[in-house]
């Protein structure tokens, strides 16, 4: 039997799930479904940055200047935004899906150091061929200029070189999901992993 105090300490730690997958791996769609099913908060770093800029705050103005000049927003800025969102939603959320972060190994290390340990890493694995096909098709329907073959190749290259060390570092918490299957099959695989994590 565990002492009540240790149980309550354990349950007060937020469930943090890093969602990692290349462009076109389908992770955004799955995040939306998980958010609805489990009462998770879906935090996309891109959305957080855009929302802060749109708010017109002092920080938003600073971030806008950085992005307008084509520079990358510092990791500390992104961490602060994530931390603030997690704290704001802590009491009403069952857990957090961190989408599009970490993109580099030092971001994973700093997140765990400054915010909370990651509970699980969902890695949506797809071959480059499949991701490329999906992105080209998406480009045809959406008219997105960044979905041409050369750009896609570069994006995939950057994704692999950045994410491989992260996946190695977080290996004990890693759940590799076959992202090439249908949305329903992928969802089923993810739900099995989450059920274990939440002991449901």
Foldseek 3Di string as FASTA:
>chain_A
DDDPVVVVVVQLAAAEEEEAEAQQLCRVVLLVVCCVPAVAAEDELVVLLVVLLVVVDPVNVVSVVCVVVVHDDDLVSSLVSVQVVCVVCSVRGRHYYYYPPDQAQVSQVVNCVPHNHHQAYEYRDDDLVNSLVSLCVVCVVVVDPCNDDVNSVVRVVSSCVGCVVNCVVCVVRYDYFHSVDDSVVSSVSVVVSVCVSVVD
